[in-house]
Amino acid sequence: MSSTSRRTEFGDFLRSRREKLTPDARTLKSGRRRRTPGLRREEVAELAGIGVDWYVRLEQGRTVSPSDATLVALAHALRLGKAEAAHLRALARGSDSRAFVSEHVPPAIERMVSKLALPAYVTGRRWDILAWNRAANDLFGFGRLAQTNRNILVFIFAERNARQLFGSTWQEEARRMIALFRATHDLHADDPAFVDLVERLRSVSQEFSKWWKAHDVRSGASGQKALAHPKRGIQHYEYATFQANDDPALKLAIYTPV
């Protein structure tokens, strides 16, 4: 990822967190009337103990390199959660600049996945669906997807049966997926493969466009889901994900019936 794109995402993330906060009279000296929601830039600078001009430069994505102490102060001032603070640090430090190339699933992992009785599938860095077993196909129908649609986000936002599968929890799940993916996307924001994916999702889903602008970031590799199987009805699962030692970009997801 280029330094310019990284700074842009860094600044946009700061702005999005600032606009979500409400002023606290106990900690802020400013008492001027407000015309827009959230804190003002000078108020964040005050809370973080840094210069206003310095903070403005950060939020505008100019050429700056915040220190670890500044990042800690900003995280505290913006009341960032653990995942958000980690994302801020990652954007400040940079990432692997190599262009995205679709991953290859090692044969040993493919064989292991195919022999699992539980629904299981493998995704790559861009959340492309690279391998799955019979149980996952029965639950999600990945085998029926066109090759260009084999991506978790495309599945969630562009496939009608995904909305039926998640039922009343679809909106919650879709927003959670965006926030999880955002943590990866921002480190590769100028890569054509990631740009194309986001533009495609924007073109097929107004919900995606709206929720993407919120710039929410989350972490999480396990949890529970209630899925509406077309034949067996509502089924409850616990899911967990694992990284492959062969290639950390590969993640294995396994669903266990509850």
C-alpha atoms as a PDB file:
ATOM      1  CA  MET A   1       0.000   0.000   0.000  1.00  0.00           C
ATOM      2  CA  SER A   2       1.319   3.469  -0.862  1.00  0.00           C
ATOM      3  CA  SER A   3       2.047   5.899   1.959  1.00  0.00           C
ATOM      4  CA  THR A   4      -0.459   8.361   0.481  1.00  0.00           C
ATOM      5  CA  SER A   5      -3.347   5.883   0.619  1.00  0.00           C
ATOM      6  CA  ARG A   6      -2.344   4.798   4.108  1.00  0.00           C
ATOM      7  CA  ARG A   7      -2.353   8.403   5.335  1.00  0.00           C
ATOM      8  CA  THR A   8      -5.741   8.997   3.689  1.00  0.00           C
ATOM      9  CA  GLU A   9      -7.279   6.009   5.458  1.00  0.00           C
ATOM     10  CA  PHE A  10      -5.561   7.039   8.708  1.00  0.00           C
ATOM     11  CA  GLY A  11      -7.079  10.536   8.475  1.00  0.00           C
ATOM     12  CA  ASP A  12     -10.516   9.269   7.487  1.00  0.00           C
ATOM     13  CA  PHE A  13     -10.506   6.839  10.398  1.00  0.00           C
ATOM     14  CA  LEU A  14      -9.614   9.627  12.832  1.00  0.00           C
ATOM     15  CA  ARG A  15     -12.402  11.815  11.458  1.00  0.00           C
ATOM     16  CA  SER A  16     -14.987   9.046  11.616  1.00  0.00           C
ATOM     17  CA  ARG A  17     -14.149   8.319  15.276  1.00  0.00           C
ATOM     18  CA  ARG A  18     -14.150  12.028  16.170  1.00  0.00           C
ATOM     19  CA  GLU A  19     -17.599  12.539  14.656  1.00  0.00           C
ATOM     20  CA  LYS A  20     -19.030   9.704  16.739  1.00  0.00           C
ATOM     21  CA  LEU A  21     -18.088  11.265  20.055  1.00  0.00           C
ATOM     22  CA  THR A  22     -20.096  13.707  22.138  1.00  0.00           C
ATOM     23  CA  PRO A  23     -18.466  16.495  24.153  1.00  0.00           C
ATOM     24  CA  ASP A  24     -17.856  15.968  27.842  1.00  0.00           C
ATOM     25  CA  ALA A  25     -18.054  19.176  29.858  1.00  0.00           C
ATOM     26  CA  ARG A  26     -15.894  17.630  32.576  1.00  0.00           C
ATOM     27  CA  THR A  27     -12.886  17.198  30.336  1.00  0.00           C
ATOM     28  CA  LEU A  28     -13.243  19.897  27.664  1.00  0.00           C
ATOM     29  CA  LYS A  29     -12.708  23.605  28.171  1.00  0.00           C
ATOM     30  CA  SER A  30     -14.482  24.713  24.991  1.00  0.00           C
ATOM     31  CA  GLY A  31     -18.096  25.739  25.372  1.00  0.00           C
ATOM     32  CA  ARG A  32     -18.941  27.152  21.947  1.00  0.00           C
ATOM     33  CA  ARG A  33     -22.200  26.332  20.209  1.00  0.00           C
ATOM     34  CA  ARG A  34     -22.080  23.312  17.880  1.00  0.00           C
ATOM     35  CA  ARG A  35     -23.301  23.080  14.327  1.00  0.00           C
ATOM     36  CA  THR A  36     -22.088  19.568  13.517  1.00  0.00           C
ATOM     37  CA  PRO A  37     -22.124  16.301  15.514  1.00  0.00           C
ATOM     38  CA  GLY A  38     -19.102  14.964  17.309  1.00  0.00           C
ATOM     39  CA  LEU A  39     -16.049  16.660  18.716  1.00  0.00           C
ATOM     40  CA  ARG A  40     -14.175  19.476  17.038  1.00  0.00           C
ATOM     41  CA  ARG A  41     -10.607  18.925  15.893  1.00  0.00           C
ATOM     42  CA  GLU A  42      -9.269  21.319  18.502  1.00  0.00           C
ATOM     43  CA  GLU A  43     -11.125  19.395  21.208  1.00  0.00           C
ATOM     44  CA  VAL A  44      -9.515  16.105  20.200  1.00  0.00           C
ATOM     45  CA  ALA A  45      -6.144  17.827  20.149  1.00  0.00           C
ATOM     46  CA  GLU A  46      -6.832  19.191  23.634  1.00  0.00           C
ATOM     47  CA  LEU A  47      -7.811  15.768  24.976  1.00  0.00           C
ATOM     48  CA  ALA A  48      -4.761  14.141  23.362  1.00  0.00           C
ATOM     49  CA  GLY A  49      -2.390  16.857  24.549  1.00  0.00           C
ATOM     50  CA  ILE A  50      -1.088  17.650  21.070  1.00  0.00           C
ATOM     51  CA  GLY A  51      -1.081  20.774  18.914  1.00  0.00           C
ATOM     52  CA  VAL A  52      -4.197  21.590  16.912  1.00  0.00           C
ATOM     53  CA  ASP A  53      -2.214  22.068  13.697  1.00  0.00           C
ATOM     54  CA  TRP A  54      -0.524  18.711  14.220  1.00  0.00           C
ATOM     55  CA  TYR A  55      -3.867  16.975  14.672  1.00  0.00           C
ATOM     56  CA  VAL A  56      -5.326  18.726  11.608  1.00  0.00           C
ATOM     57  CA  ARG A  57      -2.387  17.495   9.537  1.00  0.00           C
ATOM     58  CA  LEU A  58      -3.026  13.955  10.752  1.00  0.00           C
ATOM     59  CA  GLU A  59      -6.718  14.050   9.907  1.00  0.00           C
ATOM     60  CA  GLN A  60      -6.076  15.593   6.505  1.00  0.00           C
ATOM     61  CA  GLY A  61      -3.639  12.806   5.647  1.00  0.00           C
ATOM     62  CA  ARG A  62      -0.595  15.007   5.206  1.00  0.00           C
ATOM     63  CA  THR A  63       2.962  13.719   5.439  1.00  0.00           C
ATOM     64  CA  VAL A  64       3.277  13.014   9.145  1.00  0.00           C
ATOM     65  CA  SER A  65       4.599  10.141  11.254  1.00  0.00           C
ATOM     66  CA  PRO A  66       2.911  10.035  14.663  1.00  0.00           C
ATOM     67  CA  SER A  67       4.946   8.593  17.507  1.00  0.00           C
ATOM     68  CA  ASP A  68       3.766   5.669  19.620  1.00  0.00           C
ATOM     69  CA  ALA A  69       3.002   8.113  22.442  1.00  0.00           C
ATOM     70  CA  THR A  70       0.847  10.211  20.105  1.00  0.00           C
ATOM     71  CA  LEU A  71      -1.042   7.123  18.929  1.00  0.00           C
ATOM     72  CA  VAL A  72      -1.741   6.107  22.521  1.00  0.00           C
ATOM     73  CA  ALA A  73      -2.932   9.629  23.323  1.00  0.00           C
ATOM     74  CA  LEU A  74      -5.201   9.715  20.262  1.00  0.00           C
ATOM     75  CA  ALA A  75      -6.664   6.311  21.101  1.00  0.00           C
ATOM     76  CA  HIS A  76      -7.444   7.547  24.610  1.00  0.00           C
ATOM     77  CA  ALA A  77      -8.877  10.869  23.418  1.00  0.00           C
ATOM     78  CA  LEU A  78     -11.100   9.179  20.824  1.00  0.00           C
ATOM     79  CA  ARG A  79     -12.084   6.406  23.256  1.00  0.00           C
ATOM     80  CA  LEU A  80     -11.022   3.710  20.830  1.00  0.00           C
ATOM     81  CA  GLY A  81     -11.656   0.084  21.603  1.00  0.00           C
ATOM     82  CA  LYS A  82      -8.915  -2.522  21.441  1.00  0.00           C
ATOM     83  CA  ALA A  83      -9.547  -3.371  17.776  1.00  0.00           C
ATOM     84  CA  GLU A  84      -9.794   0.297  16.786  1.00  0.00           C
ATOM     85  CA  ALA A  85      -6.559   1.215  18.570  1.00  0.00           C
ATOM     86  CA  ALA A  86      -4.777  -1.694  16.884  1.00  0.00           C
ATOM     87  CA  HIS A  87      -6.089  -0.526  13.519  1.00  0.00           C
ATOM     88  CA  LEU A  88      -4.834   3.003  14.138  1.00  0.00           C
ATOM     89  CA  ARG A  89      -1.358   1.653  14.918  1.00  0.00           C
ATOM     90  CA  ALA A  90      -1.388  -0.570  11.845  1.00  0.00           C
ATOM     91  CA  LEU A  91      -2.260   2.349   9.575  1.00  0.00           C
ATOM     92  CA  ALA A  92       0.490   4.469  11.117  1.00  0.00           C
ATOM     93  CA  ARG A  93       3.124   1.768  10.675  1.00  0.00           C
ATOM     94  CA  GLY A  94       2.257   0.712   7.128  1.00  0.00           C
ATOM     95  CA  SER A  95       1.923  -2.758   5.626  1.00  0.00           C
ATOM     96  CA  ASP A  96       3.117  -5.185   3.007  1.00  0.00           C
ATOM     97  CA  SER A  97       3.307  -3.211  -0.252  1.00  0.00           C
ATOM     98  CA  ARG A  98       3.177  -6.214  -2.585  1.00  0.00           C
ATOM     99  CA  ALA A  99       0.298  -6.273  -5.053  1.00  0.00           C
ATOM    100  CA  PHE A 100      -2.539  -8.659  -4.268  1.00  0.00           C
ATOM    101  CA  VAL A 101      -2.383 -12.064  -5.947  1.00  0.00           C
ATOM    102  CA  SER A 102      -5.112 -14.637  -5.425  1.00  0.00           C
ATOM    103  CA  GLU A 103      -3.890 -17.240  -2.978  1.00  0.00           C
ATOM    104  CA  HIS A 104      -3.384 -20.950  -3.626  1.00  0.00           C
ATOM    105  CA  VAL A 105      -4.671 -23.423  -1.059  1.00  0.00           C
ATOM    106  CA  PRO A 106      -2.079 -26.160  -0.406  1.00  0.00           C
ATOM    107  CA  PRO A 107      -3.357 -29.649  -1.357  1.00  0.00           C
ATOM    108  CA  ALA A 108      -2.913 -30.883   2.221  1.00  0.00           C
ATOM    109  CA  ILE A 109      -5.278 -28.199   3.516  1.00  0.00           C
ATOM    110  CA  GLU A 110      -7.792 -28.891   0.747  1.00  0.00           C
ATOM    111  CA  ARG A 111      -7.795 -32.596   1.614  1.00  0.00           C
ATOM    112  CA  MET A 112      -8.202 -31.873   5.318  1.00  0.00           C
ATOM    113  CA  VAL A 113     -11.144 -29.518   4.683  1.00  0.00           C
ATOM    114  CA  SER A 114     -12.834 -32.005   2.352  1.00  0.00           C
ATOM    115  CA  LYS A 115     -12.701 -34.747   5.006  1.00  0.00           C
ATOM    116  CA  LEU A 116     -14.191 -32.644   7.801  1.00  0.00           C
ATOM    117  CA  ALA A 117     -17.780 -33.542   8.691  1.00  0.00           C
ATOM    118  CA  LEU A 118     -18.501 -30.012   9.942  1.00  0.00           C
ATOM    119  CA  PRO A 119     -19.115 -27.113   7.512  1.00  0.00           C
ATOM    120  CA  ALA A 120     -15.694 -25.629   6.718  1.00  0.00           C
ATOM    121  CA  TYR A 121     -14.219 -23.300   4.123  1.00  0.00           C
ATOM    122  CA  VAL A 122     -11.011 -21.385   3.391  1.00  0.00           C
ATOM    123  CA  THR A 123     -10.791 -17.690   2.492  1.00  0.00           C
ATOM    124  CA  GLY A 124      -7.903 -15.461   1.397  1.00  0.00           C
ATOM    125  CA  ARG A 125      -6.745 -11.963   2.266  1.00  0.00           C
ATOM    126  CA  ARG A 126      -9.489 -10.339   0.168  1.00  0.00           C
ATOM    127  CA  TRP A 127     -12.055 -12.755   1.601  1.00  0.00           C
ATOM    128  CA  ASP A 128     -12.289 -14.746  -1.628  1.00  0.00           C
ATOM    129  CA  ILE A 129     -13.760 -18.214  -1.025  1.00  0.00           C
ATOM    130  CA  LEU A 130     -10.983 -20.575  -2.089  1.00  0.00           C
ATOM    131  CA  ALA A 131     -12.039 -24.013  -0.842  1.00  0.00           C
ATOM    132  CA  TRP A 132     -14.984 -25.605   0.962  1.00  0.00           C
ATOM    133  CA  ASN A 133     -16.330 -29.012   1.858  1.00  0.00           C
ATOM    134  CA  ARG A 134     -19.613 -30.773   1.188  1.00  0.00           C
ATOM    135  CA  ALA A 135     -21.177 -29.668   4.496  1.00  0.00           C
ATOM    136  CA  ALA A 136     -20.335 -25.995   3.790  1.00  0.00           C
ATOM    137  CA  ASN A 137     -21.773 -26.317   0.310  1.00  0.00           C
ATOM    138  CA  ASP A 138     -24.989 -27.739   1.739  1.00  0.00           C
ATOM    139  CA  LEU A 139     -25.246 -24.828   4.185  1.00  0.00           C
ATOM    140  CA  PHE A 140     -24.020 -21.888   2.087  1.00  0.00           C
ATOM    141  CA  GLY A 141     -24.273 -23.101  -1.505  1.00  0.00           C
ATOM    142  CA  PHE A 142     -20.788 -21.905  -2.448  1.00  0.00           C
ATOM    143  CA  GLY A 143     -20.608 -24.415  -5.296  1.00  0.00           C
ATOM    144  CA  ARG A 144     -23.578 -22.730  -6.985  1.00  0.00           C
ATOM    145  CA  LEU A 145     -21.864 -19.335  -7.065  1.00  0.00           C
ATOM    146  CA  ALA A 146     -20.279 -18.021 -10.222  1.00  0.00           C
ATOM    147  CA  GLN A 147     -16.479 -17.899  -9.987  1.00  0.00           C
ATOM    148  CA  THR A 148     -16.536 -14.079  -9.812  1.00  0.00           C
ATOM    149  CA  ASN A 149     -19.013 -14.205  -6.921  1.00  0.00           C
ATOM    150  CA  ARG A 150     -16.941 -16.480  -4.699  1.00  0.00           C
ATOM    151  CA  ASN A 151     -16.172 -13.853  -2.110  1.00  0.00           C
ATOM    152  CA  ILE A 152     -17.718 -13.586   1.356  1.00  0.00           C
ATOM    153  CA  LEU A 153     -18.755  -9.936   0.963  1.00  0.00           C
ATOM    154  CA  VAL A 154     -20.159 -10.454  -2.526  1.00  0.00           C
ATOM    155  CA  PHE A 155     -22.073 -13.446  -1.162  1.00  0.00           C
ATOM    156  CA  ILE A 156     -23.499 -11.389   1.713  1.00  0.00           C
ATOM    157  CA  PHE A 157     -24.507  -8.336  -0.319  1.00  0.00           C
ATOM    158  CA  ALA A 158     -25.195  -9.608  -3.832  1.00  0.00           C
ATOM    159  CA  GLU A 159     -26.680 -13.086  -3.356  1.00  0.00           C
ATOM    160  CA  ARG A 160     -30.385 -13.237  -2.500  1.00  0.00           C
ATOM    161  CA  ASN A 161     -30.104 -16.574  -0.723  1.00  0.00           C
ATOM    162  CA  ALA A 162     -27.622 -15.005   1.745  1.00  0.00           C
ATOM    163  CA  ARG A 163     -30.367 -12.710   3.032  1.00  0.00           C
ATOM    164  CA  GLN A 164     -32.686 -15.703   3.349  1.00  0.00           C
ATOM    165  CA  LEU A 165     -29.967 -17.710   5.092  1.00  0.00           C
ATOM    166  CA  PHE A 166     -29.316 -15.055   7.754  1.00  0.00           C
ATOM    167  CA  GLY A 167     -32.955 -13.962   8.002  1.00  0.00           C
ATOM    168  CA  SER A 168     -33.605 -11.338  10.672  1.00  0.00           C
ATOM    169  CA  THR A 169     -29.905 -11.260  11.590  1.00  0.00           C
ATOM    170  CA  TRP A 170     -28.760 -10.327   8.068  1.00  0.00           C
ATOM    171  CA  GLN A 171     -28.270  -6.618   8.785  1.00  0.00           C
ATOM    172  CA  GLU A 172     -26.300  -7.266  11.965  1.00  0.00           C
ATOM    173  CA  GLU A 173     -24.148  -9.851  10.220  1.00  0.00           C
ATOM    174  CA  ALA A 174     -23.565  -7.649   7.166  1.00  0.00           C
ATOM    175  CA  ARG A 175     -22.415  -4.699   9.287  1.00  0.00           C
ATOM    176  CA  ARG A 176     -20.165  -6.987  11.325  1.00  0.00           C
ATOM    177  CA  MET A 177     -18.598  -8.321   8.121  1.00  0.00           C
ATOM    178  CA  ILE A 178     -17.903  -4.808   6.839  1.00  0.00           C
ATOM    179  CA  ALA A 179     -16.222  -3.806  10.102  1.00  0.00           C
ATOM    180  CA  LEU A 180     -14.074  -6.949  10.097  1.00  0.00           C
ATOM    181  CA  PHE A 181     -13.088  -6.520   6.451  1.00  0.00           C
ATOM    182  CA  ARG A 182     -12.313  -2.820   6.919  1.00  0.00           C
ATOM    183  CA  ALA A 183      -9.356  -3.690   9.135  1.00  0.00           C
ATOM    184  CA  THR A 184      -7.778  -5.556   6.223  1.00  0.00           C
ATOM    185  CA  HIS A 185      -8.926  -3.261   3.425  1.00  0.00           C
ATOM    186  CA  ASP A 186      -7.396  -0.089   4.844  1.00  0.00           C
ATOM    187  CA  LEU A 187      -3.925  -1.626   4.694  1.00  0.00           C
ATOM    188  CA  HIS A 188      -4.388  -2.340   0.973  1.00  0.00           C
ATOM    189  CA  ALA A 189      -6.720   0.519   0.021  1.00  0.00           C
ATOM    190  CA  ASP A 190      -4.983   1.433  -3.246  1.00  0.00           C
ATOM    191  CA  ASP A 191      -4.547  -2.145  -4.483  1.00  0.00           C
ATOM    192  CA  PRO A 192      -6.667  -2.549  -7.658  1.00  0.00           C
ATOM    193  CA  ALA A 193      -8.100  -5.855  -6.431  1.00  0.00           C
ATOM    194  CA  PHE A 194      -9.431  -4.222  -3.265  1.00  0.00           C
ATOM    195  CA  VAL A 195     -10.567  -1.088  -5.102  1.00  0.00           C
ATOM    196  CA  ASP A 196     -12.517  -3.165  -7.621  1.00  0.00           C
ATOM    197  CA  LEU A 197     -14.175  -5.208  -4.894  1.00  0.00           C
ATOM    198  CA  VAL A 198     -15.354  -2.163  -2.943  1.00  0.00           C
ATOM    199  CA  GLU A 199     -16.623  -0.423  -6.083  1.00  0.00           C
ATOM    200  CA  ARG A 200     -18.533  -3.535  -7.079  1.00  0.00           C
ATOM    201  CA  LEU A 201     -20.138  -3.810  -3.661  1.00  0.00           C
ATOM    202  CA  ARG A 202     -21.111  -0.151  -3.759  1.00  0.00           C
ATOM    203  CA  SER A 203     -22.755  -0.662  -7.135  1.00  0.00           C
ATOM    204  CA  VAL A 204     -24.879  -3.619  -6.011  1.00  0.00           C
ATOM    205  CA  SER A 205     -25.838  -2.560  -2.488  1.00  0.00           C
ATOM    206  CA  GLN A 206     -26.964   0.761  -1.047  1.00  0.00           C
ATOM    207  CA  GLU A 207     -26.618  -0.739   2.429  1.00  0.00           C
ATOM    208  CA  PHE A 208     -22.960  -1.464   1.794  1.00  0.00           C
ATOM    209  CA  SER A 209     -22.320   2.101   0.583  1.00  0.00           C
ATOM    210  CA  LYS A 210     -23.983   3.539   3.679  1.00  0.00           C
ATOM    211  CA  TRP A 211     -22.289   1.293   6.221  1.00  0.00           C
ATOM    212  CA  TRP A 212     -18.887   1.511   4.509  1.00  0.00           C
ATOM    213  CA  LYS A 213     -18.832   5.276   5.078  1.00  0.00           C
ATOM    214  CA  ALA A 214     -19.107   4.725   8.835  1.00  0.00           C
ATOM    215  CA  HIS A 215     -15.540   3.326   8.800  1.00  0.00           C
ATOM    216  CA  ASP A 216     -16.251   0.979  11.699  1.00  0.00           C
ATOM    217  CA  VAL A 217     -13.539  -1.534  12.587  1.00  0.00           C
ATOM    218  CA  ARG A 218     -13.932  -4.735  14.556  1.00  0.00           C
ATOM    219  CA  SER A 219     -11.977  -7.844  15.419  1.00  0.00           C
ATOM    220  CA  GLY A 220     -13.262 -11.283  16.144  1.00  0.00           C
ATOM    221  CA  ALA A 221     -12.606 -14.831  15.049  1.00  0.00           C
ATOM    222  CA  SER A 222     -15.377 -16.750  16.808  1.00  0.00           C
ATOM    223  CA  GLY A 223     -19.003 -16.446  17.821  1.00  0.00           C
ATOM    224  CA  GLN A 224     -22.459 -17.842  17.129  1.00  0.00           C
ATOM    225  CA  LYS A 225     -24.861 -17.627  14.191  1.00  0.00           C
ATOM    226  CA  ALA A 226     -28.448 -18.693  13.561  1.00  0.00           C
ATOM    227  CA  LEU A 227     -28.842 -19.792   9.935  1.00  0.00           C
ATOM    228  CA  ALA A 228     -32.057 -20.673   8.114  1.00  0.00           C
ATOM    229  CA  HIS A 229     -31.372 -23.794   6.069  1.00  0.00           C
ATOM    230  CA  PRO A 230     -33.844 -24.061   3.148  1.00  0.00           C
ATOM    231  CA  LYS A 231     -34.800 -27.631   4.128  1.00  0.00           C
ATOM    232  CA  ARG A 232     -33.901 -28.059   7.799  1.00  0.00           C
ATOM    233  CA  GLY A 233     -35.001 -24.659   9.060  1.00  0.00           C
ATOM    234  CA  ILE A 234     -33.223 -22.572  11.706  1.00  0.00           C
ATOM    235  CA  GLN A 235     -29.922 -24.049  12.834  1.00  0.00           C
ATOM    236  CA  HIS A 236     -27.575 -22.621  15.450  1.00  0.00           C
ATOM    237  CA  TYR A 237     -23.817 -22.791  15.022  1.00  0.00           C
ATOM    238  CA  GLU A 238     -20.666 -21.803  16.813  1.00  0.00           C
ATOM    239  CA  TYR A 239     -17.942 -20.708  14.407  1.00  0.00           C
ATOM    240  CA  ALA A 240     -14.212 -20.222  14.751  1.00  0.00           C
ATOM    241  CA  THR A 241     -11.446 -19.249  12.323  1.00  0.00           C
ATOM    242  CA  PHE A 242      -7.815 -20.319  12.102  1.00  0.00           C
ATOM    243  CA  GLN A 243      -4.796 -19.013  10.179  1.00  0.00           C
ATOM    244  CA  ALA A 244      -2.640 -21.341   8.086  1.00  0.00           C
ATOM    245  CA  ASN A 245       1.082 -21.533   8.805  1.00  0.00           C
ATOM    246  CA  ASP A 246       1.731 -22.086   5.090  1.00  0.00           C
ATOM    247  CA  ASP A 247       0.238 -18.671   4.305  1.00  0.00           C
ATOM    248  CA  PRO A 248      -1.177 -16.455   7.122  1.00  0.00           C
ATOM    249  CA  ALA A 249      -3.509 -14.854   4.561  1.00  0.00           C
ATOM    250  CA  LEU A 250      -5.428 -18.142   4.417  1.00  0.00           C
ATOM    251  CA  LYS A 251      -8.119 -18.555   7.045  1.00  0.00           C
ATOM    252  CA  LEU A 252     -10.091 -21.686   7.806  1.00  0.00           C
ATOM    253  CA  ALA A 253     -13.632 -21.220   9.154  1.00  0.00           C
ATOM    254  CA  ILE A 254     -15.370 -24.125  10.884  1.00  0.00           C
ATOM    255  CA  TYR A 255     -19.021 -24.220  11.975  1.00  0.00           C
ATOM    256  CA  THR A 256     -20.095 -26.499  14.832  1.00  0.00           C
ATOM    257  CA  PRO A 257     -23.824 -27.142  15.470  1.00  0.00           C
ATOM    258  CA  VAL A 258     -24.968 -25.960  18.886  1.00  0.00           C
END
